[in-house]
């Protein structure tokens, strides 16, 4: 079968409603799962800092389990195996006037749980990169653990966390293709649906590959801008001129005013 350029350009430049639905779901699931993963990762990272084994041991088990099993297995287990075992079944729910199907709920939770394990290690490494003197300074001011983290440690750790966080979201965009196995109509499943009707396999899979490449490229530009913005605060400021160091800025302003 020859390559049909008309089909390729049509679906690339004038995507059908099925494609647009898949694109919207891909972006929505990626963002919500990433937010869930960041929240879980932050909580897990803070619990890992505890010396109480009742707090940090369950977190270590969670990280070990999520990072040691395939994401595809986790998705199928959460949505299919739990229901088959009579443990839990995802039902459609109404949220803000919209019906959220059970498979989309399972997709967001499964991706978020998996991402939380990776973000826990990333955030823990970021917290560990903060100088220990910052902790001592905060404690000397009477700050508790929560206030110390919120005002001193986490803002500094965020500069270290941003680059791997951006890379994780890039991976998340591509991992959404895995939720097609539970019937979520993201970009890949949308492509499969159109392919079954048109039999233009190569053209349509090339289109979906370019869509994902566009999404990850746009995110890459945003990530680079974000990293640049946060790295600017790390750059040492230029030392003041010798005259300012000797006489002070206020004295120089008075002399120049004359």
C-alpha atoms as a PDB file:
ATOM      1  CA  UNK A   1       0.000   0.000   0.000  1.00  0.00           C
ATOM      2  CA  UNK A   2       1.445   3.360  -1.059  1.00  0.00           C
ATOM      3  CA  UNK A   3       1.775   6.282   1.310  1.00  0.00           C
ATOM      4  CA  UNK A   4      -1.241   8.589   0.938  1.00  0.00           C
ATOM      5  CA  UNK A   5      -0.079  12.156   1.422  1.00  0.00           C
ATOM      6  CA  UNK A   6      -3.631  13.516   1.221  1.00  0.00           C
ATOM      7  CA  UNK A   7      -4.699  11.462   4.243  1.00  0.00           C
ATOM      8  CA  UNK A   8      -1.545  12.422   6.130  1.00  0.00           C
ATOM      9  CA  UNK A   9      -1.934  16.181   5.614  1.00  0.00           C
ATOM     10  CA  UNK A  10      -5.673  16.051   6.224  1.00  0.00           C
ATOM     11  CA  UNK A  11      -5.388  14.465   9.675  1.00  0.00           C
ATOM     12  CA  UNK A  12      -2.280  16.459  10.566  1.00  0.00           C
ATOM     13  CA  UNK A  13      -3.618  19.908   9.678  1.00  0.00           C
ATOM     14  CA  UNK A  14      -7.372  19.314   9.954  1.00  0.00           C
ATOM     15  CA  UNK A  15      -7.777  16.755  12.750  1.00  0.00           C
ATOM     16  CA  UNK A  16     -11.175  15.197  13.222  1.00  0.00           C
ATOM     17  CA  UNK A  17     -13.237  15.444  16.389  1.00  0.00           C
ATOM     18  CA  UNK A  18     -11.961  12.038  17.485  1.00  0.00           C
ATOM     19  CA  UNK A  19      -8.370  13.285  17.320  1.00  0.00           C
ATOM     20  CA  UNK A  20      -9.188  16.503  19.151  1.00  0.00           C
ATOM     21  CA  UNK A  21     -10.927  14.544  21.901  1.00  0.00           C
ATOM     22  CA  UNK A  22      -7.879  12.323  22.239  1.00  0.00           C
ATOM     23  CA  UNK A  23      -5.551  15.325  22.348  1.00  0.00           C
ATOM     24  CA  UNK A  24      -7.660  17.011  25.017  1.00  0.00           C
ATOM     25  CA  UNK A  25      -7.793  13.869  27.152  1.00  0.00           C
ATOM     26  CA  UNK A  26      -4.045  13.310  26.804  1.00  0.00           C
ATOM     27  CA  UNK A  27      -3.274  16.805  28.098  1.00  0.00           C
ATOM     28  CA  UNK A  28      -5.913  16.684  30.849  1.00  0.00           C
ATOM     29  CA  UNK A  29      -4.847  13.288  32.189  1.00  0.00           C
ATOM     30  CA  UNK A  30      -1.174  14.296  32.067  1.00  0.00           C
ATOM     31  CA  UNK A  31      -1.723  17.492  34.071  1.00  0.00           C
ATOM     32  CA  UNK A  32      -4.031  15.949  36.688  1.00  0.00           C
ATOM     33  CA  UNK A  33      -1.858  12.857  37.144  1.00  0.00           C
ATOM     34  CA  UNK A  34       1.250  15.033  37.465  1.00  0.00           C
ATOM     35  CA  UNK A  35      -0.415  17.217  40.105  1.00  0.00           C
ATOM     36  CA  UNK A  36      -1.435  14.104  42.028  1.00  0.00           C
ATOM     37  CA  UNK A  37       2.068  12.678  41.672  1.00  0.00           C
ATOM     38  CA  UNK A  38       3.673  15.888  42.951  1.00  0.00           C
ATOM     39  CA  UNK A  39       1.346  15.996  45.966  1.00  0.00           C
ATOM     40  CA  UNK A  40       2.037  12.350  46.802  1.00  0.00           C
ATOM     41  CA  UNK A  41       5.751  12.819  46.178  1.00  0.00           C
ATOM     42  CA  UNK A  42       5.960  15.809  48.508  1.00  0.00           C
ATOM     43  CA  UNK A  43       4.110  13.974  51.278  1.00  0.00           C
ATOM     44  CA  UNK A  44       6.250  10.862  50.801  1.00  0.00           C
ATOM     45  CA  UNK A  45       9.488  12.862  50.766  1.00  0.00           C
ATOM     46  CA  UNK A  46       8.599  14.621  54.020  1.00  0.00           C
ATOM     47  CA  UNK A  47       7.627  11.330  55.663  1.00  0.00           C
ATOM     48  CA  UNK A  48      10.934   9.813  54.557  1.00  0.00           C
ATOM     49  CA  UNK A  49      12.683  12.475  56.647  1.00  0.00           C
ATOM     50  CA  UNK A  50      10.999  11.183  59.797  1.00  0.00           C
ATOM     51  CA  UNK A  51      12.990   8.981  62.156  1.00  0.00           C
ATOM     52  CA  UNK A  52       9.803   7.163  63.149  1.00  0.00           C
ATOM     53  CA  UNK A  53       9.777   3.760  61.375  1.00  0.00           C
ATOM     54  CA  UNK A  54       5.966   3.759  61.379  1.00  0.00           C
ATOM     55  CA  UNK A  55       6.127   6.762  59.062  1.00  0.00           C
ATOM     56  CA  UNK A  56       9.114   6.211  56.793  1.00  0.00           C
ATOM     57  CA  UNK A  57       8.943   2.413  56.335  1.00  0.00           C
ATOM     58  CA  UNK A  58       5.504   2.404  54.599  1.00  0.00           C
ATOM     59  CA  UNK A  59       6.764   5.158  52.311  1.00  0.00           C
ATOM     60  CA  UNK A  60       9.878   3.167  51.445  1.00  0.00           C
ATOM     61  CA  UNK A  61       7.651   0.178  50.623  1.00  0.00           C
ATOM     62  CA  UNK A  62       5.413   2.349  48.418  1.00  0.00           C
ATOM     63  CA  UNK A  63       8.385   3.741  46.486  1.00  0.00           C
ATOM     64  CA  UNK A  64       9.900   0.263  46.135  1.00  0.00           C
ATOM     65  CA  UNK A  65       6.617  -1.220  44.863  1.00  0.00           C
ATOM     66  CA  UNK A  66       5.752   1.530  42.374  1.00  0.00           C
ATOM     67  CA  UNK A  67       9.244   1.779  40.929  1.00  0.00           C
ATOM     68  CA  UNK A  68       9.759  -1.977  40.805  1.00  0.00           C
ATOM     69  CA  UNK A  69       6.650  -2.954  38.827  1.00  0.00           C
ATOM     70  CA  UNK A  70       5.710  -1.982  35.244  1.00  0.00           C
ATOM     71  CA  UNK A  71       3.350   0.959  34.900  1.00  0.00           C
ATOM     72  CA  UNK A  72       1.163  -0.994  32.467  1.00  0.00           C
ATOM     73  CA  UNK A  73       0.674  -3.726  35.075  1.00  0.00           C
ATOM     74  CA  UNK A  74      -0.265  -1.114  37.685  1.00  0.00           C
ATOM     75  CA  UNK A  75      -2.886   0.416  35.373  1.00  0.00           C
ATOM     76  CA  UNK A  76      -4.510  -2.920  34.532  1.00  0.00           C
ATOM     77  CA  UNK A  77      -4.359  -4.088  38.153  1.00  0.00           C
ATOM     78  CA  UNK A  78      -5.992  -0.932  39.495  1.00  0.00           C
ATOM     79  CA  UNK A  79      -8.838  -0.869  36.971  1.00  0.00           C
ATOM     80  CA  UNK A  80      -9.418  -4.538  36.089  1.00  0.00           C
ATOM     81  CA  UNK A  81      -7.928  -6.808  38.753  1.00  0.00           C
ATOM     82  CA  UNK A  82      -9.428  -4.974  41.729  1.00  0.00           C
ATOM     83  CA  UNK A  83     -12.868  -5.114  40.118  1.00  0.00           C
ATOM     84  CA  UNK A  84     -12.474  -8.786  39.189  1.00  0.00           C
ATOM     85  CA  UNK A  85     -11.476  -9.601  42.759  1.00  0.00           C
ATOM     86  CA  UNK A  86     -14.541  -7.819  44.122  1.00  0.00           C
ATOM     87  CA  UNK A  87     -12.346  -5.352  46.018  1.00  0.00           C
ATOM     88  CA  UNK A  88     -13.132  -2.061  44.287  1.00  0.00           C
ATOM     89  CA  UNK A  89     -14.771  -0.986  41.054  1.00  0.00           C
ATOM     90  CA  UNK A  90     -14.416   2.445  39.462  1.00  0.00           C
ATOM     91  CA  UNK A  91     -17.874   3.806  38.683  1.00  0.00           C
ATOM     92  CA  UNK A  92     -18.801   6.863  36.645  1.00  0.00           C
ATOM     93  CA  UNK A  93     -19.195   9.947  38.823  1.00  0.00           C
ATOM     94  CA  UNK A  94     -20.592  13.422  38.243  1.00  0.00           C
ATOM     95  CA  UNK A  95     -18.146  16.248  38.952  1.00  0.00           C
ATOM     96  CA  UNK A  96     -19.017  19.913  38.369  1.00  0.00           C
ATOM     97  CA  UNK A  97     -21.855  18.862  36.107  1.00  0.00           C
ATOM     98  CA  UNK A  98     -19.664  16.544  34.013  1.00  0.00           C
ATOM     99  CA  UNK A  99     -19.702  12.754  33.940  1.00  0.00           C
ATOM    100  CA  UNK A 100     -16.218  11.376  34.636  1.00  0.00           C
ATOM    101  CA  UNK A 101     -15.959   7.754  33.432  1.00  0.00           C
ATOM    102  CA  UNK A 102     -14.422   5.189  35.762  1.00  0.00           C
ATOM    103  CA  UNK A 103     -11.594   4.333  33.380  1.00  0.00           C
ATOM    104  CA  UNK A 104     -10.443   7.969  33.287  1.00  0.00           C
ATOM    105  CA  UNK A 105     -10.469   8.074  37.098  1.00  0.00           C
ATOM    106  CA  UNK A 106      -8.386   4.906  37.200  1.00  0.00           C
ATOM    107  CA  UNK A 107      -5.978   6.297  34.597  1.00  0.00           C
ATOM    108  CA  UNK A 108      -5.335   9.485  36.574  1.00  0.00           C
ATOM    109  CA  UNK A 109      -4.921   7.638  39.879  1.00  0.00           C
ATOM    110  CA  UNK A 110      -2.654   4.929  38.431  1.00  0.00           C
ATOM    111  CA  UNK A 111      -0.399   7.425  36.660  1.00  0.00           C
ATOM    112  CA  UNK A 112      -0.385   9.679  39.734  1.00  0.00           C
ATOM    113  CA  UNK A 113       0.516   6.839  42.110  1.00  0.00           C
ATOM    114  CA  UNK A 114       3.363   5.776  39.862  1.00  0.00           C
ATOM    115  CA  UNK A 115       4.620   9.325  39.448  1.00  0.00           C
ATOM    116  CA  UNK A 116       4.445   9.967  43.188  1.00  0.00           C
ATOM    117  CA  UNK A 117       7.113   7.328  43.816  1.00  0.00           C
ATOM    118  CA  UNK A 118       9.542   9.016  41.430  1.00  0.00           C
ATOM    119  CA  UNK A 119       8.722  12.520  42.644  1.00  0.00           C
ATOM    120  CA  UNK A 120       9.317  11.389  46.241  1.00  0.00           C
ATOM    121  CA  UNK A 121      12.950  10.640  45.431  1.00  0.00           C
ATOM    122  CA  UNK A 122      13.350  13.817  43.373  1.00  0.00           C
ATOM    123  CA  UNK A 123      11.933  16.039  46.127  1.00  0.00           C
ATOM    124  CA  UNK A 124      13.927  14.212  48.789  1.00  0.00           C
ATOM    125  CA  UNK A 125      17.108  14.846  46.802  1.00  0.00           C
ATOM    126  CA  UNK A 126      16.162  18.514  46.423  1.00  0.00           C
ATOM    127  CA  UNK A 127      15.603  18.874  50.164  1.00  0.00           C
ATOM    128  CA  UNK A 128      18.903  17.129  50.835  1.00  0.00           C
ATOM    129  CA  UNK A 129      20.698  19.627  48.597  1.00  0.00           C
ATOM    130  CA  UNK A 130      19.781  22.530  50.897  1.00  0.00           C
ATOM    131  CA  UNK A 131      22.649  23.490  53.192  1.00  0.00           C
ATOM    132  CA  UNK A 132      22.252  22.187  56.739  1.00  0.00           C
ATOM    133  CA  UNK A 133      23.020  25.646  58.048  1.00  0.00           C
ATOM    134  CA  UNK A 134      19.644  26.780  56.707  1.00  0.00           C
ATOM    135  CA  UNK A 135      17.918  24.294  59.004  1.00  0.00           C
ATOM    136  CA  UNK A 136      19.908  25.506  62.001  1.00  0.00           C
ATOM    137  CA  UNK A 137      19.152  29.131  61.173  1.00  0.00           C
ATOM    138  CA  UNK A 138      15.435  28.399  60.975  1.00  0.00           C
ATOM    139  CA  UNK A 139      15.407  26.488  64.238  1.00  0.00           C
ATOM    140  CA  UNK A 140      17.333  29.281  65.954  1.00  0.00           C
ATOM    141  CA  UNK A 141      14.465  31.588  64.977  1.00  0.00           C
ATOM    142  CA  UNK A 142      11.990  29.259  66.663  1.00  0.00           C
ATOM    143  CA  UNK A 143      10.497  27.794  63.484  1.00  0.00           C
ATOM    144  CA  UNK A 144       8.757  24.439  63.644  1.00  0.00           C
ATOM    145  CA  UNK A 145       9.216  21.721  61.017  1.00  0.00           C
ATOM    146  CA  UNK A 146       6.271  22.797  58.848  1.00  0.00           C
ATOM    147  CA  UNK A 147       7.190  26.481  58.885  1.00  0.00           C
ATOM    148  CA  UNK A 148      10.860  25.694  58.278  1.00  0.00           C
ATOM    149  CA  UNK A 149      10.005  23.616  55.220  1.00  0.00           C
ATOM    150  CA  UNK A 150       7.491  26.107  53.848  1.00  0.00           C
ATOM    151  CA  UNK A 151       9.544  29.274  54.254  1.00  0.00           C
ATOM    152  CA  UNK A 152      13.182  28.211  53.984  1.00  0.00           C
ATOM    153  CA  UNK A 153      13.851  24.691  52.716  1.00  0.00           C
ATOM    154  CA  UNK A 154      11.290  24.028  49.970  1.00  0.00           C
ATOM    155  CA  UNK A 155      11.754  27.368  48.140  1.00  0.00           C
ATOM    156  CA  UNK A 156      15.482  26.624  47.849  1.00  0.00           C
ATOM    157  CA  UNK A 157      14.944  22.949  47.035  1.00  0.00           C
ATOM    158  CA  UNK A 158      12.560  23.868  44.221  1.00  0.00           C
ATOM    159  CA  UNK A 159      15.463  25.169  42.135  1.00  0.00           C
ATOM    160  CA  UNK A 160      16.983  21.696  42.239  1.00  0.00           C
ATOM    161  CA  UNK A 161      13.635  19.969  41.678  1.00  0.00           C
ATOM    162  CA  UNK A 162      12.538  21.909  38.564  1.00  0.00           C
ATOM    163  CA  UNK A 163      14.765  20.196  35.922  1.00  0.00           C
ATOM    164  CA  UNK A 164      13.858  16.581  36.826  1.00  0.00           C
ATOM    165  CA  UNK A 165      10.250  17.652  37.408  1.00  0.00           C
ATOM    166  CA  UNK A 166      10.101  18.922  33.835  1.00  0.00           C
ATOM    167  CA  UNK A 167      11.571  15.681  32.539  1.00  0.00           C
ATOM    168  CA  UNK A 168       9.006  13.681  34.499  1.00  0.00           C
ATOM    169  CA  UNK A 169       6.128  15.599  32.900  1.00  0.00           C
ATOM    170  CA  UNK A 170       7.647  14.951  29.484  1.00  0.00           C
ATOM    171  CA  UNK A 171       7.564  11.233  30.289  1.00  0.00           C
ATOM    172  CA  UNK A 172       4.024  11.571  31.662  1.00  0.00           C
ATOM    173  CA  UNK A 173       2.760  12.919  28.329  1.00  0.00           C
ATOM    174  CA  UNK A 174       4.035   9.794  26.597  1.00  0.00           C
ATOM    175  CA  UNK A 175       2.922   7.414  29.348  1.00  0.00           C
ATOM    176  CA  UNK A 176      -0.714   8.388  28.745  1.00  0.00           C
ATOM    177  CA  UNK A 177      -0.659   6.040  25.746  1.00  0.00           C
ATOM    178  CA  UNK A 178      -0.641   3.131  28.209  1.00  0.00           C
ATOM    179  CA  UNK A 179      -4.120   3.944  29.519  1.00  0.00           C
ATOM    180  CA  UNK A 180      -5.555   3.005  26.130  1.00  0.00           C
ATOM    181  CA  UNK A 181      -5.535  -0.607  27.403  1.00  0.00           C
ATOM    182  CA  UNK A 182      -8.399   0.245  29.776  1.00  0.00           C
ATOM    183  CA  UNK A 183     -10.391   2.025  27.071  1.00  0.00           C
ATOM    184  CA  UNK A 184      -9.408   5.650  27.678  1.00  0.00           C
ATOM    185  CA  UNK A 185      -9.739   7.442  24.351  1.00  0.00           C
ATOM    186  CA  UNK A 186      -6.478   9.383  24.387  1.00  0.00           C
ATOM    187  CA  UNK A 187      -4.383  10.052  21.279  1.00  0.00           C
ATOM    188  CA  UNK A 188      -3.254   6.478  20.684  1.00  0.00           C
ATOM    189  CA  UNK A 189      -6.691   4.883  21.029  1.00  0.00           C
ATOM    190  CA  UNK A 190      -8.188   7.672  18.905  1.00  0.00           C
ATOM    191  CA  UNK A 191      -5.661   6.811  16.205  1.00  0.00           C
ATOM    192  CA  UNK A 192      -6.513   3.116  16.443  1.00  0.00           C
ATOM    193  CA  UNK A 193     -10.212   3.910  16.048  1.00  0.00           C
ATOM    194  CA  UNK A 194      -9.611   5.972  12.907  1.00  0.00           C
ATOM    195  CA  UNK A 195      -7.173   3.383  11.559  1.00  0.00           C
ATOM    196  CA  UNK A 196      -9.771   0.625  11.861  1.00  0.00           C
ATOM    197  CA  UNK A 197     -12.139   2.706   9.716  1.00  0.00           C
ATOM    198  CA  UNK A 198      -9.679   4.014   7.094  1.00  0.00           C
ATOM    199  CA  UNK A 199      -6.998   1.269   7.031  1.00  0.00           C
ATOM    200  CA  UNK A 200      -4.349   4.006   6.658  1.00  0.00           C
ATOM    201  CA  UNK A 201      -2.049   2.686   9.374  1.00  0.00           C
ATOM    202  CA  UNK A 202       1.308   4.246   8.513  1.00  0.00           C
ATOM    203  CA  UNK A 203      -0.064   7.714   7.758  1.00  0.00           C
ATOM    204  CA  UNK A 204      -2.135   7.942  10.940  1.00  0.00           C
ATOM    205  CA  UNK A 205       0.529   6.589  13.276  1.00  0.00           C
ATOM    206  CA  UNK A 206       2.969   9.078  11.779  1.00  0.00           C
ATOM    207  CA  UNK A 207       0.442  11.829  12.523  1.00  0.00           C
ATOM    208  CA  UNK A 208       0.051  10.782  16.169  1.00  0.00           C
ATOM    209  CA  UNK A 209       3.835  10.571  16.528  1.00  0.00           C
ATOM    210  CA  UNK A 210       4.131  14.160  15.278  1.00  0.00           C
ATOM    211  CA  UNK A 211       1.390  15.260  17.684  1.00  0.00           C
ATOM    212  CA  UNK A 212       3.306  13.816  20.631  1.00  0.00           C
ATOM    213  CA  UNK A 213       6.547  15.301  19.315  1.00  0.00           C
ATOM    214  CA  UNK A 214       4.857  18.716  19.165  1.00  0.00           C
ATOM    215  CA  UNK A 215       3.534  18.400  22.722  1.00  0.00           C
ATOM    216  CA  UNK A 216       6.890  17.363  24.172  1.00  0.00           C
ATOM    217  CA  UNK A 217       8.739  20.044  22.181  1.00  0.00           C
ATOM    218  CA  UNK A 218       6.422  22.808  23.397  1.00  0.00           C
ATOM    219  CA  UNK A 219       6.828  21.563  26.945  1.00  0.00           C
ATOM    220  CA  UNK A 220      10.600  21.484  26.442  1.00  0.00           C
ATOM    221  CA  UNK A 221      10.604  25.202  25.565  1.00  0.00           C
ATOM    222  CA  UNK A 222       8.515  26.002  28.638  1.00  0.00           C
ATOM    223  CA  UNK A 223      10.747  23.854  30.840  1.00  0.00           C
ATOM    224  CA  UNK A 224      13.852  25.629  29.554  1.00  0.00           C
ATOM    225  CA  UNK A 225      12.287  29.019  30.301  1.00  0.00           C
ATOM    226  CA  UNK A 226      11.315  27.835  33.786  1.00  0.00           C
ATOM    227  CA  UNK A 227      14.807  26.537  34.524  1.00  0.00           C
ATOM    228  CA  UNK A 228      16.364  29.787  33.303  1.00  0.00           C
ATOM    229  CA  UNK A 229      14.074  31.854  35.490  1.00  0.00           C
ATOM    230  CA  UNK A 230      14.873  29.872  38.622  1.00  0.00           C
ATOM    231  CA  UNK A 231      18.593  29.703  37.882  1.00  0.00           C
ATOM    232  CA  UNK A 232      18.827  33.505  37.663  1.00  0.00           C
ATOM    233  CA  UNK A 233      18.357  33.775  41.425  1.00  0.00           C
ATOM    234  CA  UNK A 234      21.397  31.515  41.894  1.00  0.00           C
ATOM    235  CA  UNK A 235      23.737  33.742  39.925  1.00  0.00           C
ATOM    236  CA  UNK A 236      25.948  35.891  42.130  1.00  0.00           C
ATOM    237  CA  UNK A 237      25.258  39.584  41.769  1.00  0.00           C
ATOM    238  CA  UNK A 238      28.042  41.852  40.556  1.00  0.00           C
ATOM    239  CA  UNK A 239      30.012  43.454  43.390  1.00  0.00           C
ATOM    240  CA  UNK A 240      29.330  47.152  43.972  1.00  0.00           C
ATOM    241  CA  UNK A 241      31.840  49.674  42.594  1.00  0.00           C
ATOM    242  CA  UNK A 242      34.885  50.513  44.699  1.00  0.00           C
ATOM    243  CA  UNK A 243      33.588  54.033  45.406  1.00  0.00           C
ATOM    244  CA  UNK A 244      30.319  52.629  46.774  1.00  0.00           C
ATOM    245  CA  UNK A 245      32.202  50.218  49.009  1.00  0.00           C
ATOM    246  CA  UNK A 246      34.424  53.007  50.376  1.00  0.00           C
ATOM    247  CA  UNK A 247      31.927  55.843  50.896  1.00  0.00           C
ATOM    248  CA  UNK A 248      28.517  54.143  50.769  1.00  0.00           C
ATOM    249  CA  UNK A 249      25.722  54.616  48.242  1.00  0.00           C
ATOM    250  CA  UNK A 250      23.906  57.308  50.195  1.00  0.00           C
ATOM    251  CA  UNK A 251      27.056  59.488  50.370  1.00  0.00           C
ATOM    252  CA  UNK A 252      27.679  59.134  46.646  1.00  0.00           C
ATOM    253  CA  UNK A 253      24.074  60.104  45.871  1.00  0.00           C
ATOM    254  CA  UNK A 254      24.471  63.297  47.918  1.00  0.00           C
ATOM    255  CA  UNK A 255      27.747  64.167  46.155  1.00  0.00           C
ATOM    256  CA  UNK A 256      26.223  63.564  42.720  1.00  0.00           C
ATOM    257  CA  UNK A 257      23.211  65.643  43.643  1.00  0.00           C
ATOM    258  CA  UNK A 258      25.478  68.612  44.163  1.00  0.00           C
END
